[in-house]
Amino acid sequence: MLATNPYALPLPLLPIPFLLLGLGSYYVTSAILQMTPLPERKAKLVSAVLTSIVLLGVVLQSIRQLSSKDFLILLALLVGITWYMRRLEV
């Protein structure tokens, strides 16, 4: 993933590393959250949210568009979604 240059990679192959990273991240966070007392449905939702935020950060970094402002926005988004999900009865 670190050696992938998005400008040199053919367009049809560009999403493959991000899909693999997303799937791997989802399964790892899902496995970690299964060890917690969260209900299974809520654990899957938390895992999906964390994966999507991490993946969005990686995509922005790969096209050299991730700035400190974007990082703070992603962090605020994570905090907001976490607060909302604590209130959510799933």
N, C-alpha and C. Protein backbone atom coordinates (compact mmCIF):
# COMPACT_ATOMS: atom_id res chain seq x y z
N MET A 1 0.83 -1.19 0.00
CA MET A 1 0.00 0.00 0.00
C MET A 1 0.87 1.25 0.00
N LEU A 2 1.96 1.22 0.73
CA LEU A 2 2.83 2.39 0.77
C LEU A 2 3.54 2.61 -0.55
N ALA A 3 3.79 1.53 -1.29
CA ALA A 3 4.50 1.64 -2.56
C ALA A 3 3.57 1.99 -3.72
N THR A 4 2.26 2.04 -3.45
CA THR A 4 1.31 2.34 -4.51
C THR A 4 1.27 3.83 -4.79
N ASN A 5 1.56 4.18 -6.02
CA ASN A 5 1.46 5.56 -6.45
C ASN A 5 0.14 5.70 -7.22
N PRO A 6 -0.84 6.44 -6.70
CA PRO A 6 -2.13 6.52 -7.36
C PRO A 6 -2.06 7.20 -8.73
N TYR A 7 -1.02 7.96 -8.96
CA TYR A 7 -0.90 8.63 -10.26
C TYR A 7 -0.36 7.68 -11.33
N ALA A 8 0.38 6.64 -10.93
CA ALA A 8 0.98 5.72 -11.89
C ALA A 8 0.15 4.45 -12.07
N LEU A 9 -0.76 4.16 -11.16
CA LEU A 9 -1.56 2.94 -11.22
C LEU A 9 -2.69 3.11 -12.23
N PRO A 10 -2.95 2.09 -13.06
CA PRO A 10 -4.09 2.17 -13.98
C PRO A 10 -5.39 2.35 -13.22
N LEU A 11 -6.31 3.09 -13.78
CA LEU A 11 -7.55 3.44 -13.11
C LEU A 11 -8.37 2.23 -12.65
N PRO A 12 -8.51 1.17 -13.45
CA PRO A 12 -9.30 0.03 -12.95
C PRO A 12 -8.67 -0.68 -11.75
N LEU A 13 -7.37 -0.57 -11.56
CA LEU A 13 -6.70 -1.22 -10.44
C LEU A 13 -6.60 -0.33 -9.20
N LEU A 14 -6.95 0.92 -9.32
CA LEU A 14 -6.79 1.86 -8.22
C LEU A 14 -7.61 1.52 -6.97
N PRO A 15 -8.85 1.07 -7.09
CA PRO A 15 -9.63 0.79 -5.87
C PRO A 15 -9.22 -0.49 -5.14
N ILE A 16 -8.47 -1.38 -5.78
CA ILE A 16 -8.16 -2.68 -5.17
C ILE A 16 -7.40 -2.55 -3.85
N PRO A 17 -6.32 -1.77 -3.76
CA PRO A 17 -5.64 -1.67 -2.45
C PRO A 17 -6.53 -1.08 -1.36
N PHE A 18 -7.39 -0.14 -1.73
CA PHE A 18 -8.26 0.46 -0.73
C PHE A 18 -9.34 -0.51 -0.28
N LEU A 19 -9.86 -1.32 -1.20
CA LEU A 19 -10.83 -2.34 -0.82
C LEU A 19 -10.21 -3.38 0.10
N LEU A 20 -8.99 -3.80 -0.21
CA LEU A 20 -8.32 -4.78 0.64
C LEU A 20 -8.04 -4.20 2.03
N LEU A 21 -7.60 -2.95 2.07
CA LEU A 21 -7.35 -2.30 3.36
C LEU A 21 -8.65 -2.14 4.14
N GLY A 22 -9.71 -1.78 3.46
CA GLY A 22 -11.01 -1.62 4.13
C GLY A 22 -11.53 -2.94 4.68
N LEU A 23 -11.44 -4.00 3.89
CA LEU A 23 -11.91 -5.30 4.37
C LEU A 23 -11.07 -5.79 5.54
N GLY A 24 -9.76 -5.63 5.43
CA GLY A 24 -8.89 -6.05 6.52
C GLY A 24 -9.16 -5.26 7.79
N SER A 25 -9.32 -3.97 7.65
CA SER A 25 -9.59 -3.11 8.80
C SER A 25 -10.93 -3.47 9.44
N TYR A 26 -11.94 -3.74 8.62
CA TYR A 26 -13.26 -4.10 9.14
C TYR A 26 -13.20 -5.40 9.93
N TYR A 27 -12.54 -6.40 9.38
CA TYR A 27 -12.47 -7.69 10.06
C TYR A 27 -11.65 -7.62 11.35
N VAL A 28 -10.59 -6.84 11.34
CA VAL A 28 -9.77 -6.71 12.56
C VAL A 28 -10.56 -5.97 13.65
N THR A 29 -11.18 -4.86 13.31
CA THR A 29 -11.94 -4.12 14.32
C THR A 29 -13.15 -4.93 14.78
N SER A 30 -13.76 -5.67 13.87
CA SER A 30 -14.90 -6.52 14.25
C SER A 30 -14.46 -7.60 15.21
N ALA A 31 -13.31 -8.21 14.95
CA ALA A 31 -12.80 -9.25 15.86
C ALA A 31 -12.46 -8.68 17.22
N ILE A 32 -11.89 -7.49 17.25
CA ILE A 32 -11.55 -6.85 18.53
C ILE A 32 -12.83 -6.49 19.30
N LEU A 33 -13.82 -5.98 18.59
CA LEU A 33 -15.05 -5.56 19.26
C LEU A 33 -15.91 -6.75 19.71
N GLN A 34 -15.69 -7.93 19.17
CA GLN A 34 -16.43 -9.10 19.64
C GLN A 34 -15.99 -9.51 21.03
N MET A 35 -14.82 -9.05 21.47
CA MET A 35 -14.34 -9.34 22.82
C MET A 35 -14.92 -8.38 23.84
N THR A 36 -15.65 -7.37 23.40
CA THR A 36 -16.26 -6.41 24.30
C THR A 36 -17.71 -6.81 24.56
N PRO A 37 -18.35 -6.24 25.57
CA PRO A 37 -19.74 -6.61 25.86
C PRO A 37 -20.78 -5.93 24.96
N LEU A 38 -20.35 -5.35 23.84
CA LEU A 38 -21.31 -4.72 22.93
C LEU A 38 -22.17 -5.78 22.25
N PRO A 39 -23.44 -5.44 21.97
CA PRO A 39 -24.25 -6.35 21.15
C PRO A 39 -23.63 -6.51 19.76
N GLU A 40 -23.89 -7.64 19.13
CA GLU A 40 -23.25 -7.94 17.85
C GLU A 40 -23.58 -6.90 16.78
N ARG A 41 -24.82 -6.49 16.73
CA ARG A 41 -25.23 -5.51 15.71
C ARG A 41 -24.54 -4.16 15.92
N LYS A 42 -24.44 -3.73 17.16
CA LYS A 42 -23.78 -2.46 17.46
C LYS A 42 -22.28 -2.56 17.19
N ALA A 43 -21.68 -3.72 17.48
CA ALA A 43 -20.25 -3.92 17.21
C ALA A 43 -19.97 -3.84 15.71
N LYS A 44 -20.86 -4.40 14.90
CA LYS A 44 -20.68 -4.32 13.45
C LYS A 44 -20.81 -2.89 12.96
N LEU A 45 -21.74 -2.15 13.53
CA LEU A 45 -21.93 -0.75 13.14
C LEU A 45 -20.72 0.09 13.53
N VAL A 46 -20.20 -0.10 14.72
CA VAL A 46 -19.01 0.62 15.17
C VAL A 46 -17.82 0.27 14.28
N SER A 47 -17.71 -1.00 13.96
CA SER A 47 -16.61 -1.46 13.11
C SER A 47 -16.70 -0.82 11.72
N ALA A 48 -17.89 -0.73 11.17
CA ALA A 48 -18.07 -0.12 9.86
C ALA A 48 -17.74 1.37 9.88
N VAL A 49 -18.15 2.06 10.93
CA VAL A 49 -17.88 3.50 11.04
C VAL A 49 -16.38 3.75 11.19
N LEU A 50 -15.73 3.00 12.06
CA LEU A 50 -14.28 3.18 12.24
C LEU A 50 -13.53 2.88 10.95
N THR A 51 -13.93 1.83 10.27
CA THR A 51 -13.27 1.47 9.01
C THR A 51 -13.46 2.55 7.96
N SER A 52 -14.66 3.08 7.85
CA SER A 52 -14.91 4.10 6.83
C SER A 52 -14.13 5.39 7.12
N ILE A 53 -14.00 5.76 8.38
CA ILE A 53 -13.25 6.97 8.71
C ILE A 53 -11.76 6.77 8.45
N VAL A 54 -11.24 5.61 8.83
CA VAL A 54 -9.83 5.31 8.56
C VAL A 54 -9.58 5.27 7.06
N LEU A 55 -10.47 4.63 6.33
CA LEU A 55 -10.31 4.52 4.88
C LEU A 55 -10.40 5.88 4.20
N LEU A 56 -11.27 6.75 4.69
CA LEU A 56 -11.35 8.09 4.13
C LEU A 56 -10.05 8.86 4.36
N GLY A 57 -9.48 8.70 5.55
CA GLY A 57 -8.19 9.34 5.82
C GLY A 57 -7.08 8.81 4.93
N VAL A 58 -7.06 7.51 4.69
CA VAL A 58 -6.05 6.91 3.82
C VAL A 58 -6.21 7.37 2.38
N VAL A 59 -7.45 7.46 1.92
CA VAL A 59 -7.69 7.93 0.55
C VAL A 59 -7.25 9.38 0.40
N LEU A 60 -7.59 10.22 1.37
CA LEU A 60 -7.16 11.62 1.31
C LEU A 60 -5.65 11.74 1.36
N GLN A 61 -4.99 10.92 2.17
CA GLN A 61 -3.53 10.97 2.26
C GLN A 61 -2.89 10.49 0.96
N SER A 62 -3.49 9.49 0.32
CA SER A 62 -2.88 8.94 -0.89
C SER A 62 -2.92 9.93 -2.05
N ILE A 63 -3.89 10.83 -2.05
CA ILE A 63 -3.92 11.84 -3.11
C ILE A 63 -3.35 13.16 -2.62
N ARG A 64 -2.66 13.08 -1.49
CA ARG A 64 -1.97 14.23 -0.88
C ARG A 64 -2.92 15.41 -0.59
N GLN A 65 -4.12 15.07 -0.10
CA GLN A 65 -5.10 16.10 0.23
C GLN A 65 -5.42 16.13 1.72
N LEU A 66 -4.73 15.31 2.52
CA LEU A 66 -5.00 15.27 3.94
C LEU A 66 -4.17 16.33 4.65
N SER A 67 -4.84 17.34 5.14
CA SER A 67 -4.15 18.39 5.89
C SER A 67 -4.53 18.27 7.36
N SER A 68 -3.99 19.12 8.17
CA SER A 68 -4.33 19.08 9.60
C SER A 68 -5.80 19.44 9.81
N LYS A 69 -6.34 20.31 8.97
CA LYS A 69 -7.76 20.65 9.07
C LYS A 69 -8.62 19.43 8.76
N ASP A 70 -8.25 18.68 7.72
CA ASP A 70 -9.00 17.48 7.37
C ASP A 70 -8.92 16.45 8.49
N PHE A 71 -7.74 16.31 9.10
CA PHE A 71 -7.59 15.39 10.20
C PHE A 71 -8.49 15.79 11.37
N LEU A 72 -8.56 17.07 11.67
CA LEU A 72 -9.43 17.54 12.75
C LEU A 72 -10.90 17.32 12.41
N ILE A 73 -11.26 17.49 11.15
CA ILE A 73 -12.64 17.23 10.73
C ILE A 73 -12.97 15.75 10.89
N LEU A 74 -12.05 14.88 10.48
CA LEU A 74 -12.27 13.44 10.64
C LEU A 74 -12.37 13.06 12.12
N LEU A 75 -11.54 13.69 12.95
CA LEU A 75 -11.59 13.43 14.38
C LEU A 75 -12.92 13.89 14.97
N ALA A 76 -13.38 15.07 14.58
CA ALA A 76 -14.67 15.57 15.05
C ALA A 76 -15.81 14.68 14.57
N LEU A 77 -15.71 14.19 13.35
CA LEU A 77 -16.71 13.28 12.82
C LEU A 77 -16.74 11.99 13.63
N LEU A 78 -15.58 11.48 13.98
CA LEU A 78 -15.51 10.27 14.79
C LEU A 78 -16.11 10.49 16.17
N VAL A 79 -15.79 11.62 16.79
CA VAL A 79 -16.34 11.93 18.11
C VAL A 79 -17.86 12.09 18.04
N GLY A 80 -18.35 12.78 17.03
CA GLY A 80 -19.79 12.98 16.87
C GLY A 80 -20.53 11.67 16.63
N ILE A 81 -19.98 10.84 15.80
CA ILE A 81 -20.63 9.55 15.52
C ILE A 81 -20.58 8.66 16.75
N THR A 82 -19.47 8.70 17.48
CA THR A 82 -19.36 7.91 18.70
C THR A 82 -20.38 8.37 19.73
N TRP A 83 -20.53 9.67 19.89
CA TRP A 83 -21.52 10.20 20.83
C TRP A 83 -22.92 9.78 20.42
N TYR A 84 -23.22 9.86 19.13
CA TYR A 84 -24.54 9.49 18.64
C TYR A 84 -24.79 7.99 18.84
N MET A 85 -23.78 7.18 18.59
CA MET A 85 -23.97 5.73 18.72
C MET A 85 -24.11 5.30 20.17
N ARG A 86 -23.54 6.06 21.10
CA ARG A 86 -23.73 5.74 22.52
C ARG A 86 -25.18 5.95 22.91
N ARG A 87 -25.85 6.88 22.26
CA ARG A 87 -27.26 7.15 22.54
C ARG A 87 -28.18 6.21 21.77
N LEU A 88 -27.67 5.64 20.71
CA LEU A 88 -28.46 4.80 19.81
C LEU A 88 -28.75 3.45 20.46
N GLU A 89 -29.96 3.02 20.40
CA GLU A 89 -30.34 1.70 20.93
C GLU A 89 -30.45 0.72 19.77
N VAL A 90 -29.34 0.15 19.40
CA VAL A 90 -29.33 -0.82 18.28
C VAL A 90 -29.29 -2.21 18.86
